[in-house]
Amino acid sequence: MRDLKPWELRLLNEREELKERYAKLGEFIRLEAFNDLEEADQDLLNDQAYAMLEYLCVLDSRVERIRA
């Protein structure tokens, strides 16, 4: 693999960090503690998880382009 530019390294790091945060949020959503939250808070966390997934998909597409 060629040497990556600084912005490409930042992109890869951002993707990995987001992937970890998305996984942790998903784990929390499956816990009983999530069910103890008010419905509005549950809705907001579900919205956040969806937005994170959408963003992760965008980052994945960008990573694929730099690896091509």
C-alpha atoms as a PDB file:
ATOM      1  CA  MET A   1       0.000   0.000   0.000  1.00  0.00           C
ATOM      2  CA  ARG A   2       1.249   3.479  -0.831  1.00  0.00           C
ATOM      3  CA  ASP A   3       2.110   6.079   1.766  1.00  0.00           C
ATOM      4  CA  LEU A   4      -1.032   7.780   2.978  1.00  0.00           C
ATOM      5  CA  LYS A   5      -1.464  11.514   3.092  1.00  0.00           C
ATOM      6  CA  PRO A   6      -2.169  13.106   6.480  1.00  0.00           C
ATOM      7  CA  TRP A   7      -5.852  13.656   5.645  1.00  0.00           C
ATOM      8  CA  GLU A   8      -6.177  10.008   4.627  1.00  0.00           C
ATOM      9  CA  LEU A   9      -4.731   8.895   7.960  1.00  0.00           C
ATOM     10  CA  ARG A  10      -7.177  11.183   9.762  1.00  0.00           C
ATOM     11  CA  LEU A  11     -10.013   9.663   7.745  1.00  0.00           C
ATOM     12  CA  LEU A  12      -8.979   6.134   8.711  1.00  0.00           C
ATOM     13  CA  ASN A  13      -8.657   7.122  12.365  1.00  0.00           C
ATOM     14  CA  GLU A  14     -12.026   8.877  12.350  1.00  0.00           C
ATOM     15  CA  ARG A  15     -13.662   5.810  10.807  1.00  0.00           C
ATOM     16  CA  GLU A  16     -12.188   3.489  13.444  1.00  0.00           C
ATOM     17  CA  GLU A  17     -13.200   5.791  16.305  1.00  0.00           C
ATOM     18  CA  LEU A  18     -16.735   6.106  14.960  1.00  0.00           C
ATOM     19  CA  LYS A  19     -16.950   2.335  14.474  1.00  0.00           C
ATOM     20  CA  GLU A  20     -16.007   1.799  18.128  1.00  0.00           C
ATOM     21  CA  ARG A  21     -18.461   4.431  19.385  1.00  0.00           C
ATOM     22  CA  TYR A  22     -21.255   3.024  17.224  1.00  0.00           C
ATOM     23  CA  ALA A  23     -20.593  -0.478  18.586  1.00  0.00           C
ATOM     24  CA  LYS A  24     -20.609   0.792  22.179  1.00  0.00           C
ATOM     25  CA  LEU A  25     -23.877   2.640  21.626  1.00  0.00           C
ATOM     26  CA  GLY A  26     -25.367  -0.499  20.104  1.00  0.00           C
ATOM     27  CA  GLU A  27     -24.291  -2.491  23.154  1.00  0.00           C
ATOM     28  CA  PHE A  28     -25.913   0.063  25.447  1.00  0.00           C
ATOM     29  CA  ILE A  29     -29.153   0.028  23.471  1.00  0.00           C
ATOM     30  CA  ARG A  30     -29.414  -3.720  24.103  1.00  0.00           C
ATOM     31  CA  LEU A  31     -29.012  -3.318  27.874  1.00  0.00           C
ATOM     32  CA  GLU A  32     -31.824  -3.144  30.399  1.00  0.00           C
ATOM     33  CA  ALA A  33     -30.539   0.293  31.422  1.00  0.00           C
ATOM     34  CA  PHE A  34     -31.625   1.574  28.006  1.00  0.00           C
ATOM     35  CA  ASN A  35     -35.164   0.379  28.650  1.00  0.00           C
ATOM     36  CA  ASP A  36     -35.165   2.275  31.937  1.00  0.00           C
ATOM     37  CA  LEU A  37     -34.678   5.586  30.095  1.00  0.00           C
ATOM     38  CA  GLU A  38     -37.578   7.811  29.201  1.00  0.00           C
ATOM     39  CA  GLU A  39     -39.010   7.133  25.772  1.00  0.00           C
ATOM     40  CA  ALA A  40     -37.807  10.495  24.444  1.00  0.00           C
ATOM     41  CA  ASP A  41     -34.231   9.653  25.457  1.00  0.00           C
ATOM     42  CA  GLN A  42     -34.515   6.210  23.874  1.00  0.00           C
ATOM     43  CA  ASP A  43     -35.745   7.826  20.667  1.00  0.00           C
ATOM     44  CA  LEU A  44     -32.856  10.288  20.667  1.00  0.00           C
ATOM     45  CA  LEU A  45     -30.288   7.542  21.199  1.00  0.00           C
ATOM     46  CA  ASN A  46     -31.836   5.491  18.408  1.00  0.00           C
ATOM     47  CA  ASP A  47     -31.699   8.571  16.167  1.00  0.00           C
ATOM     48  CA  GLN A  48     -28.062   9.035  17.140  1.00  0.00           C
ATOM     49  CA  ALA A  49     -27.258   5.407  16.305  1.00  0.00           C
ATOM     50  CA  TYR A  50     -28.917   5.768  12.901  1.00  0.00           C
ATOM     51  CA  ALA A  51     -26.991   8.969  12.159  1.00  0.00           C
ATOM     52  CA  MET A  52     -23.739   7.330  13.228  1.00  0.00           C
ATOM     53  CA  LEU A  53     -24.409   4.394  10.911  1.00  0.00           C
ATOM     54  CA  GLU A  54     -25.140   6.722   8.003  1.00  0.00           C
ATOM     55  CA  TYR A  55     -21.927   8.636   8.689  1.00  0.00           C
ATOM     56  CA  LEU A  56     -19.985   5.384   8.989  1.00  0.00           C
ATOM     57  CA  CYS A  57     -21.264   4.342   5.560  1.00  0.00           C
ATOM     58  CA  VAL A  58     -20.045   7.635   4.092  1.00  0.00           C
ATOM     59  CA  LEU A  59     -16.630   7.181   5.692  1.00  0.00           C
ATOM     60  CA  ASP A  60     -16.487   3.587   4.409  1.00  0.00           C
ATOM     61  CA  SER A  61     -17.140   4.847   0.878  1.00  0.00           C
ATOM     62  CA  ARG A  62     -14.399   7.435   1.202  1.00  0.00           C
ATOM     63  CA  VAL A  63     -11.959   4.825   2.521  1.00  0.00           C
ATOM     64  CA  GLU A  64     -12.764   2.545  -0.406  1.00  0.00           C
ATOM     65  CA  ARG A  65     -11.945   5.381  -2.787  1.00  0.00           C
ATOM     66  CA  ILE A  66      -8.514   5.981  -1.274  1.00  0.00           C
ATOM     67  CA  ARG A  67      -7.755   2.251  -1.342  1.00  0.00           C
ATOM     68  CA  ALA A  68      -8.742   1.892  -5.002  1.00  0.00           C
END
